[in-house]
Amino acid sequence: MVVAATALALTGCGEPGVLAPTDSAEPSTSASSEPTQQPGASETPDDSPAPSGSAQPTTPPVAGDLACADVFTAAQLYDFNPNFAPTTDAGDLPGVIADIADAGGTVCAYQHVTGSDRLVIGVLQGMGNFSAPEFETVGGEGVATSTNGSAVVSAASIYFAELRDAQPVLDEVAGNLD
């Protein structure tokens, strides 16, 4: 009985055409198969020049002339640790990296955005008689060094307990110098 009453109510009490479309000129909210013109961008060309790509923000090296973005790219830094960002404050330069800065090399520093952890990278091209140990610990930071042709690459971080921990960073920097 309830079902029959509901069905009757939904059919408009039996009046034919209650739910049928009308010929009224009033706007309808129903879907139409006719395409309509939507407001959009102006068809007239603009004489102003197209915006050019903006330069990526760069952080200058702590020492030296190489751009830090060329020494260790943003993607490489993200792969090392996504919570690191370039900084111009390197603090005390550990071991070989201080020697690289003193010899005229480039030093780039990266700081953990929420902590004091850091990554410091030094590059000395045209190393001459420069020598350094492959690995040393200075002030709680592991400092790893390798040579690449006539360049010395060094990386320091608390994340480096031995040379092999730093090897991926050293290899990436060396690859960027080629």
Protein backbone atom coordinates (compact mmCIF):
# COMPACT_ATOMS: atom_id res chain seq x y z
CA MET A 1 0.00 0.00 0.00
CA VAL A 2 2.77 2.46 0.90
CA VAL A 3 4.60 1.53 -2.29
CA ALA A 4 1.53 2.24 -4.41
CA ALA A 5 1.01 5.65 -2.77
CA THR A 6 4.64 6.58 -3.32
CA ALA A 7 4.48 5.56 -6.96
CA LEU A 8 1.34 7.62 -7.46
CA ALA A 9 2.95 10.68 -5.84
CA LEU A 10 6.00 10.39 -8.06
CA THR A 11 3.93 10.27 -11.22
CA GLY A 12 2.25 13.60 -10.49
CA CYS A 13 -1.02 12.16 -9.29
CA GLY A 14 -1.69 10.63 -12.63
CA GLU A 15 -1.71 13.90 -14.61
CA PRO A 16 -0.05 13.27 -17.96
CA GLY A 17 2.82 15.56 -18.89
CA VAL A 18 3.56 16.94 -15.42
CA LEU A 19 7.17 15.87 -15.72
CA ALA A 20 7.34 16.47 -19.46
CA PRO A 21 9.32 19.45 -20.79
CA THR A 22 7.41 22.65 -21.51
CA ASP A 23 7.73 25.21 -24.26
CA SER A 24 8.42 28.03 -21.79
CA ALA A 25 11.05 30.68 -22.52
CA GLU A 26 12.29 30.60 -18.93
CA PRO A 27 15.88 29.43 -18.41
CA SER A 28 16.28 25.81 -17.52
CA THR A 29 18.76 24.25 -15.15
CA SER A 30 18.68 20.97 -17.06
CA ALA A 31 21.56 19.79 -19.21
CA SER A 32 21.54 20.69 -22.88
CA SER A 33 23.20 18.93 -25.77
CA GLU A 34 23.77 22.30 -27.47
CA PRO A 35 27.24 23.79 -26.83
CA THR A 36 27.22 27.18 -25.17
CA GLN A 37 29.78 29.95 -25.40
CA GLN A 38 31.67 30.23 -22.14
CA PRO A 39 33.41 33.43 -21.19
CA GLY A 40 37.13 32.95 -21.71
CA ALA A 41 40.38 34.56 -22.64
CA SER A 42 40.37 37.48 -25.00
CA GLU A 43 40.94 36.60 -28.63
CA THR A 44 42.95 39.78 -29.28
CA PRO A 45 46.71 39.37 -28.96
CA ASP A 46 48.55 41.24 -26.25
CA ASP A 47 51.54 43.32 -27.38
CA SER A 48 53.39 42.85 -24.09
CA PRO A 49 56.28 40.36 -24.15
CA ALA A 50 55.68 36.91 -22.74
CA PRO A 51 57.07 36.46 -19.25
CA SER A 52 60.47 34.87 -19.29
CA GLY A 53 61.49 32.11 -16.91
CA SER A 54 62.75 33.56 -13.69
CA ALA A 55 66.17 32.59 -12.46
CA GLN A 56 66.34 30.09 -9.64
CA PRO A 57 67.32 31.66 -6.35
CA THR A 58 70.96 31.00 -5.68
CA THR A 59 73.05 31.02 -2.56
CA PRO A 60 76.58 32.26 -3.08
CA PRO A 61 79.43 30.05 -1.95
CA VAL A 62 80.98 30.63 1.45
CA ALA A 63 84.30 30.89 -0.37
CA GLY A 64 85.41 30.71 -3.99
CA ASP A 65 83.93 31.42 -7.40
CA LEU A 66 82.01 28.31 -8.48
CA ALA A 67 78.24 28.55 -8.17
CA CYS A 68 76.97 26.20 -5.47
CA ALA A 69 74.12 25.14 -7.77
CA ASP A 70 76.82 23.84 -10.14
CA VAL A 71 78.82 22.14 -7.38
CA PHE A 72 75.85 20.25 -5.86
CA THR A 73 72.51 20.62 -7.63
CA ALA A 74 69.18 21.17 -5.89
CA ALA A 75 68.07 17.68 -6.96
CA GLN A 76 71.23 16.14 -5.53
CA LEU A 77 70.75 18.04 -2.27
CA TYR A 78 67.15 16.83 -2.09
CA ASP A 79 68.30 13.25 -2.68
CA PHE A 80 70.89 13.62 0.09
CA ASN A 81 68.27 14.94 2.52
CA PRO A 82 65.07 16.78 1.54
CA ASN A 83 65.28 18.82 4.74
CA PHE A 84 68.49 20.62 3.77
CA ALA A 85 68.73 24.07 2.18
CA PRO A 86 71.68 26.17 0.98
CA THR A 87 73.06 28.68 3.45
CA THR A 88 75.78 31.32 3.47
CA ASP A 89 76.61 30.54 7.11
CA ALA A 90 79.07 27.67 7.14
CA GLY A 91 80.16 28.12 10.75
CA ASP A 92 83.60 26.70 11.46
CA LEU A 93 84.97 24.95 8.41
CA PRO A 94 86.13 21.46 9.35
CA GLY A 95 89.60 20.14 8.52
CA VAL A 96 90.33 19.83 4.81
CA ILE A 97 87.45 22.12 3.87
CA ALA A 98 89.11 25.02 5.73
CA ASP A 99 92.32 24.21 3.85
CA ILE A 100 90.42 24.24 0.53
CA ALA A 101 88.99 27.69 1.35
CA ASP A 102 92.44 28.95 2.34
CA ALA A 103 93.86 27.65 -0.97
CA GLY A 104 91.25 29.65 -2.95
CA GLY A 105 88.77 26.84 -3.54
CA THR A 106 84.99 26.98 -3.41
CA VAL A 107 83.06 26.05 -0.28
CA CYS A 108 79.29 25.55 -0.26
CA ALA A 109 77.25 25.05 2.89
CA TYR A 110 73.84 23.45 3.41
CA GLN A 111 71.87 23.51 6.66
CA HIS A 112 69.08 21.28 7.96
CA VAL A 113 66.00 23.52 8.00
CA THR A 114 64.90 22.48 11.50
CA GLY A 115 68.18 21.54 13.14
CA SER A 116 71.87 22.25 13.32
CA ASP A 117 72.96 19.42 11.00
CA ARG A 118 74.92 20.62 8.02
CA LEU A 119 76.63 19.49 4.88
CA VAL A 120 79.71 21.40 3.74
CA ILE A 121 81.32 20.75 0.36
CA GLY A 122 84.69 22.06 -0.78
CA VAL A 123 86.15 22.01 -4.28
CA LEU A 124 89.68 23.00 -5.23
CA GLN A 125 90.47 22.98 -8.94
CA GLY A 126 94.10 23.00 -10.06
CA MET A 127 95.14 21.44 -6.77
CA GLY A 128 98.89 21.58 -7.36
CA ASN A 129 100.62 20.06 -4.32
CA PHE A 130 97.48 20.01 -2.17
CA SER A 131 97.11 16.83 -0.16
CA ALA A 132 94.51 15.64 2.31
CA PRO A 133 93.54 12.45 4.11
CA GLU A 134 90.75 10.39 2.52
CA PHE A 135 88.77 10.56 5.75
CA GLU A 136 89.04 12.28 9.10
CA THR A 137 86.69 13.23 11.91
CA VAL A 138 86.77 16.86 13.00
CA GLY A 139 84.47 18.16 15.74
CA GLY A 140 82.03 15.29 15.34
CA GLU A 141 81.81 15.67 11.55
CA GLY A 142 83.18 13.15 9.13
CA VAL A 143 85.26 14.82 6.42
CA ALA A 144 85.81 12.76 3.27
CA THR A 145 88.08 13.80 0.42
CA SER A 146 88.76 12.48 -3.06
CA THR A 147 90.58 13.68 -6.13
CA ASN A 148 89.04 14.03 -9.56
CA GLY A 149 91.66 14.75 -12.20
CA SER A 150 93.21 18.01 -11.08
CA ALA A 151 90.47 18.78 -8.56
CA VAL A 152 90.03 17.94 -4.90
CA VAL A 153 86.49 17.37 -3.64
CA SER A 154 85.71 17.24 0.06
CA ALA A 155 82.44 16.80 1.94
CA ALA A 156 81.74 17.07 5.67
CA SER A 157 78.70 16.12 7.72
CA ILE A 158 77.71 14.39 10.94
CA TYR A 159 76.09 11.81 8.64
CA PHE A 160 79.52 10.61 7.49
CA ALA A 161 81.02 8.03 9.86
CA GLU A 162 83.41 6.73 7.21
CA LEU A 163 84.48 7.39 3.63
CA ARG A 164 81.84 5.17 2.05
CA ASP A 165 79.05 7.22 3.70
CA ALA A 166 80.23 10.31 1.84
CA GLN A 167 81.20 8.59 -1.42
CA PRO A 168 77.87 9.24 -3.23
CA VAL A 169 78.17 12.99 -2.52
CA LEU A 170 81.83 13.05 -3.60
CA ASP A 171 80.96 11.19 -6.83
CA GLU A 172 78.07 13.54 -7.66
CA VAL A 173 80.17 16.65 -7.11
CA ALA A 174 83.02 15.18 -9.18
CA GLY A 175 80.52 14.40 -11.96
CA ASN A 176 79.27 17.99 -11.88
CA LEU A 177 82.81 19.28 -12.39
CA ASP A 178 83.36 17.26 -15.59
